[in-house]
Amino acid sequence: MKVIFNYQNVFFSFFYDDADACVHRSREYAMNYVLSGEMVLDDGSRQVHVGKGECVFIPRDHRVTMYKNTCHGEQYCGIYLCFTRPFLREMYGKYALQKDRAGKTEKFTPGVMKLPPSAEIESLFASMTPYFNPEVKPQDDVMRLKLEEGLLALLHTDRCFMTVLFDFSTPWKMDILDFMNRNYMYEFSLEELAHYTGRSLATFKRDFKKVSDLTPEKWLIRKRLEVAYRLIKEEHRKVVEVYAEVGFKNPSHFSTAFKKQYGIPPTALVPPLPV
């Protein structure tokens, strides 16, 4: 069981039991502070463990799997600050002079980053703990001040965050097929595929027609089936393991699609047991 409150893009979450892992991809920059329990973030290349009293920075458009667990007998409890583009644009205007005074700062693109402890971060989140009580609803302007306080804590942690958070340039278009080949197993809508490859929906549809005769949906199904075929045929993986790994929701749908593509059920590729 879990309880989540959202107050002006500030999320308070409490997990009564260890929850299943969830794939999270925030379209905005964020900070996540762990009040109790533990959070493990896995971006596919490394894991970041965030314990009680620690805070982590999560980049915009960064896919990460989150595990929120009980630790030392305490359930997970955390606060998530989401910095939207409109908010950052407003703050850019407010802190433009500070940005100019910062001098030339080398731009960097951080992955998930555990933030060093600071009095600013500790005092910010300590002041927000009363709002875990559902009967104590904060005012919108108070939550906005908390977002601004979180932003300042980041800027004071490392001035390189100035160039990251206040970069509003139009993103470069990412290679569509490269992105889809790396993320075929995840459930994306067309709008999300367009966003994550730096395109409008109309531009994404137009560009996809240039690289494939299939629709994006059919391309993804074919890709998943091709990977599943290889895993079962060449690596002798079990069908029950493969269907979810490549992105199918249930074995029945997988079996039907597989037979339509290859003319045989996936079980036909499984070698017979030795006598």
Protein backbone atom coordinates (compact mmCIF):
# COMPACT_ATOMS: atom_id res chain seq x y z
CA MET A 1 0.00 0.00 0.00
CA LYS A 2 1.25 3.49 -0.78
CA VAL A 3 0.07 7.04 -0.19
CA ILE A 4 1.13 9.94 -2.43
CA PHE A 5 0.19 13.61 -2.13
CA ASN A 6 0.97 16.14 -4.87
CA TYR A 7 1.11 19.79 -3.86
CA GLN A 8 2.22 22.07 -6.70
CA ASN A 9 4.75 19.55 -8.11
CA VAL A 10 5.98 18.60 -4.65
CA PHE A 11 5.20 14.91 -4.06
CA PHE A 12 5.00 13.33 -0.61
CA SER A 13 5.09 9.51 -0.74
CA PHE A 14 4.80 6.87 1.96
CA PHE A 15 5.04 3.13 1.23
CA TYR A 16 3.55 0.84 3.87
CA ASP A 17 5.09 -2.24 2.22
CA ASP A 18 7.94 -2.77 -0.21
CA ALA A 19 6.49 -1.86 -3.59
CA ASP A 20 7.30 -3.40 -6.94
CA ALA A 21 9.93 -1.58 -8.96
CA CYS A 22 8.58 1.08 -11.28
CA VAL A 23 10.16 2.51 -14.39
CA HIS A 24 10.16 6.26 -14.00
CA ARG A 25 11.05 8.79 -16.65
CA SER A 26 10.58 12.35 -15.54
CA ARG A 27 10.20 14.94 -18.25
CA GLU A 28 11.52 17.50 -15.79
CA TYR A 29 14.50 17.87 -13.46
CA ALA A 30 13.86 16.64 -9.94
CA MET A 31 15.23 16.17 -6.42
CA ASN A 32 14.21 13.19 -4.27
CA TYR A 33 14.90 13.17 -0.54
CA VAL A 34 14.59 9.98 1.55
CA LEU A 35 13.17 10.58 5.02
CA SER A 36 13.16 6.89 5.96
CA GLY A 37 13.69 3.52 4.35
CA GLU A 38 15.79 3.27 1.21
CA MET A 39 15.50 4.05 -2.49
CA VAL A 40 17.59 2.31 -5.16
CA LEU A 41 17.80 3.86 -8.63
CA ASP A 42 18.96 1.75 -11.57
CA ASP A 43 19.54 3.43 -14.95
CA GLY A 44 20.74 0.25 -16.65
CA SER A 45 24.44 0.97 -16.24
CA ARG A 46 24.72 1.52 -12.48
CA GLN A 47 22.75 1.59 -9.25
CA VAL A 48 22.55 4.49 -6.84
CA HIS A 49 21.51 3.72 -3.24
CA VAL A 50 19.84 6.60 -1.44
CA GLY A 51 19.46 6.09 2.29
CA LYS A 52 17.74 7.93 5.11
CA GLY A 53 18.65 11.61 5.14
CA GLU A 54 20.11 11.55 1.61
CA CYS A 55 18.99 13.42 -1.50
CA VAL A 56 19.45 12.62 -5.18
CA PHE A 57 19.22 14.73 -8.35
CA ILE A 58 17.39 13.16 -11.32
CA PRO A 59 17.97 14.69 -14.78
CA ARG A 60 15.25 15.57 -17.23
CA ASP A 61 14.25 12.81 -19.69
CA HIS A 62 16.33 10.22 -17.83
CA ARG A 63 14.82 6.73 -17.61
CA VAL A 64 15.44 5.09 -14.28
CA THR A 65 13.96 2.15 -12.39
CA MET A 66 13.11 3.04 -8.79
CA TYR A 67 12.93 0.60 -5.90
CA LYS A 68 11.49 2.05 -2.67
CA ASN A 69 12.16 -0.34 0.18
CA THR A 70 11.97 -0.82 3.92
CA CYS A 71 15.36 -0.40 5.61
CA HIS A 72 16.33 -0.97 9.25
CA GLY A 73 12.68 -1.62 10.08
CA GLU A 74 11.46 1.69 8.61
CA GLN A 75 9.15 1.94 5.60
CA TYR A 76 10.06 4.16 2.69
CA CYS A 77 9.05 7.79 3.09
CA GLY A 78 10.26 10.50 0.71
CA ILE A 79 9.71 13.91 -0.84
CA TYR A 80 10.08 14.57 -4.58
CA LEU A 81 10.51 18.09 -5.99
CA CYS A 82 9.74 18.49 -9.70
CA PHE A 83 11.15 21.56 -11.47
CA THR A 84 9.01 22.24 -14.54
CA ARG A 85 10.23 24.29 -17.47
CA PRO A 86 7.78 27.18 -16.81
CA PHE A 87 9.02 27.35 -13.21
CA LEU A 88 12.67 27.30 -14.29
CA ARG A 89 12.06 29.97 -16.91
CA GLU A 90 10.60 32.22 -14.23
CA MET A 91 13.49 31.50 -11.91
CA TYR A 92 15.95 32.18 -14.71
CA GLY A 93 14.58 35.68 -14.96
CA LYS A 94 14.89 36.07 -11.21
CA TYR A 95 18.46 34.78 -11.04
CA ALA A 96 19.73 36.02 -14.42
CA LEU A 97 22.08 38.52 -12.77
CA GLN A 98 23.47 35.77 -10.55
CA LYS A 99 24.04 33.64 -13.64
CA ASP A 100 25.95 36.46 -15.33
CA ARG A 101 28.11 36.95 -12.24
CA ALA A 102 28.90 33.25 -12.08
CA GLY A 103 31.23 33.69 -15.01
CA LYS A 104 31.83 31.10 -17.69
CA THR A 105 30.87 27.69 -16.38
CA GLU A 106 31.50 24.50 -18.29
CA LYS A 107 28.24 22.78 -19.11
CA PHE A 108 27.82 19.22 -17.95
CA THR A 109 25.11 16.62 -18.39
CA PRO A 110 24.75 14.75 -15.12
CA GLY A 111 23.15 11.37 -14.69
CA VAL A 112 21.46 10.42 -11.45
CA MET A 113 23.59 12.16 -8.83
CA LYS A 114 23.57 11.76 -5.06
CA LEU A 115 23.93 15.25 -3.62
CA PRO A 116 26.45 15.97 -0.87
CA PRO A 117 24.89 16.66 2.53
CA SER A 118 24.23 20.31 3.33
CA ALA A 119 22.38 22.36 5.93
CA GLU A 120 20.24 23.84 3.15
CA ILE A 121 18.96 20.47 1.97
CA GLU A 122 18.47 19.14 5.49
CA SER A 123 16.55 22.19 6.69
CA LEU A 124 14.41 22.35 3.52
CA PHE A 125 13.05 18.83 3.84
CA ALA A 126 12.79 18.94 7.63
CA SER A 127 10.43 21.90 7.24
CA MET A 128 8.18 19.87 4.93
CA THR A 129 7.59 16.79 7.10
CA PRO A 130 4.37 18.13 8.71
CA TYR A 131 2.65 17.90 5.33
CA PHE A 132 2.72 14.11 5.42
CA ASN A 133 -0.37 14.55 7.58
CA PRO A 134 -3.27 14.58 5.08
CA GLU A 135 -5.17 16.89 7.37
CA VAL A 136 -2.45 19.55 7.10
CA LYS A 137 -2.66 20.82 3.52
CA PRO A 138 -0.04 23.42 2.61
CA GLN A 139 -0.81 26.63 0.75
CA ASP A 140 0.21 26.76 -2.90
CA ASP A 141 2.49 29.76 -2.42
CA VAL A 142 4.28 27.97 0.42
CA MET A 143 5.00 24.96 -1.80
CA ARG A 144 6.26 27.26 -4.52
CA LEU A 145 8.70 28.77 -2.04
CA LYS A 146 9.86 25.25 -1.15
CA LEU A 147 10.54 24.56 -4.84
CA GLU A 148 12.53 27.77 -5.06
CA GLU A 149 14.44 26.82 -1.92
CA GLY A 150 15.24 23.42 -3.45
CA LEU A 151 16.45 25.10 -6.63
CA LEU A 152 18.75 27.38 -4.65
CA ALA A 153 20.12 24.38 -2.75
CA LEU A 154 21.09 22.82 -6.10
CA LEU A 155 22.67 26.02 -7.40
CA HIS A 156 24.70 26.35 -4.19
CA THR A 157 25.79 22.71 -4.37
CA ASP A 158 27.52 23.17 -7.73
CA ARG A 159 27.33 26.22 -9.98
CA CYS A 160 27.38 23.88 -12.99
CA PHE A 161 23.70 23.26 -12.21
CA MET A 162 23.14 26.82 -13.45
CA THR A 163 23.95 25.84 -17.02
CA VAL A 164 21.98 22.60 -16.79
CA LEU A 165 18.75 23.84 -15.22
CA PHE A 166 18.58 27.08 -17.21
CA ASP A 167 19.26 25.57 -20.63
CA PHE A 168 16.11 26.13 -22.68
CA SER A 169 17.59 25.51 -26.10
CA THR A 170 15.65 23.30 -28.49
CA PRO A 171 16.98 19.74 -28.08
CA TRP A 172 18.85 18.12 -30.95
CA LYS A 173 16.88 15.48 -32.73
CA MET A 174 17.88 12.03 -31.56
CA ASP A 175 18.16 9.22 -34.09
CA ILE A 176 14.74 7.56 -34.00
CA LEU A 177 15.76 3.98 -34.69
CA ASP A 178 18.73 4.21 -32.34
CA PHE A 179 16.41 5.29 -29.51
CA MET A 180 13.82 2.61 -30.31
CA ASN A 181 16.43 -0.13 -30.63
CA ARG A 182 17.66 0.74 -27.13
CA ASN A 183 14.19 1.13 -25.59
CA TYR A 184 11.94 -1.28 -27.53
CA MET A 185 10.96 -3.20 -24.38
CA TYR A 186 9.31 -0.20 -22.71
CA GLU A 187 5.71 0.93 -23.18
CA PHE A 188 5.83 4.38 -24.80
CA SER A 189 2.99 6.30 -26.37
CA LEU A 190 3.63 8.04 -29.71
CA GLU A 191 3.67 11.35 -27.86
CA GLU A 192 6.39 10.06 -25.52
CA LEU A 193 8.46 8.67 -28.40
CA ALA A 194 8.25 12.06 -30.10
CA HIS A 195 9.23 13.90 -26.92
CA TYR A 196 12.17 11.67 -26.06
CA THR A 197 13.61 11.95 -29.57
CA GLY A 198 13.31 15.75 -29.57
CA ARG A 199 10.39 16.12 -31.96
CA SER A 200 6.83 17.24 -32.14
CA LEU A 201 4.33 14.44 -32.75
CA ALA A 202 3.82 15.53 -36.37
CA THR A 203 7.57 15.68 -37.02
CA PHE A 204 8.10 12.29 -35.39
CA LYS A 205 5.48 10.65 -37.64
CA ARG A 206 6.97 12.30 -40.72
CA ASP A 207 10.55 11.34 -39.82
CA PHE A 208 9.60 7.76 -38.94
CA LYS A 209 8.11 7.23 -42.41
CA LYS A 210 11.53 8.07 -43.83
CA VAL A 211 13.22 5.20 -41.98
CA SER A 212 10.57 2.45 -41.96
CA ASP A 213 7.62 1.21 -43.99
CA LEU A 214 5.98 0.07 -40.74
CA THR A 215 4.08 2.12 -38.21
CA PRO A 216 6.00 2.73 -34.95
CA GLU A 217 3.66 0.30 -33.15
CA LYS A 218 4.25 -2.49 -35.68
CA TRP A 219 7.99 -1.78 -35.72
CA LEU A 220 8.15 -2.26 -31.95
CA ILE A 221 6.23 -5.55 -32.10
CA ARG A 222 8.52 -6.89 -34.83
CA LYS A 223 11.61 -5.83 -32.90
CA ARG A 224 10.39 -7.50 -29.72
CA LEU A 225 9.62 -10.71 -31.61
CA GLU A 226 13.03 -10.75 -33.30
CA VAL A 227 14.79 -10.42 -29.96
CA ALA A 228 12.54 -13.06 -28.40
CA TYR A 229 13.25 -15.47 -31.28
CA ARG A 230 17.00 -15.09 -30.75
CA LEU A 231 16.79 -15.48 -26.97
CA ILE A 232 14.74 -18.68 -27.22
CA LYS A 233 16.45 -20.21 -30.26
CA GLU A 234 20.10 -19.31 -29.64
CA GLU A 235 20.32 -18.74 -25.90
CA HIS A 236 17.77 -21.43 -24.96
CA ARG A 237 15.85 -19.06 -22.69
CA LYS A 238 12.45 -20.06 -21.32
CA VAL A 239 9.38 -18.59 -23.00
CA VAL A 240 7.94 -17.60 -19.62
CA GLU A 241 11.04 -15.46 -19.01
CA VAL A 242 11.36 -13.94 -22.44
CA TYR A 243 7.90 -12.54 -23.19
CA ALA A 244 7.97 -9.92 -20.39
CA GLU A 245 11.65 -9.13 -20.90
CA VAL A 246 11.06 -8.00 -24.48
CA GLY A 247 7.99 -5.93 -23.60
CA PHE A 248 4.87 -8.08 -23.95
CA LYS A 249 2.21 -7.74 -21.25
CA ASN A 250 1.08 -11.38 -21.19
CA PRO A 251 2.15 -14.74 -22.66
CA SER A 252 -1.05 -15.16 -24.67
CA HIS A 253 -0.51 -11.96 -26.63
CA PHE A 254 3.14 -12.88 -27.12
CA SER A 255 2.33 -16.38 -28.40
CA THR A 256 -0.29 -15.08 -30.84
CA ALA A 257 2.02 -12.40 -32.23
CA PHE A 258 4.94 -14.84 -32.44
CA LYS A 259 2.94 -17.41 -34.39
CA LYS A 260 1.65 -14.72 -36.76
CA GLN A 261 5.23 -13.57 -37.42
CA TYR A 262 7.00 -16.94 -37.68
CA GLY A 263 4.24 -19.47 -38.38
CA ILE A 264 5.05 -21.50 -35.26
CA PRO A 265 4.41 -20.99 -31.54
CA PRO A 266 7.43 -19.92 -29.47
CA THR A 267 7.39 -23.26 -27.64
CA ALA A 268 8.33 -24.96 -30.93
CA LEU A 269 11.82 -23.42 -30.62
CA VAL A 270 12.43 -24.98 -27.22
CA PRO A 271 14.71 -28.01 -27.61
CA PRO A 272 13.26 -31.31 -26.36
CA LEU A 273 14.45 -32.59 -23.01
CA PRO A 274 17.11 -35.32 -23.24
CA VAL A 275 15.79 -38.82 -22.81
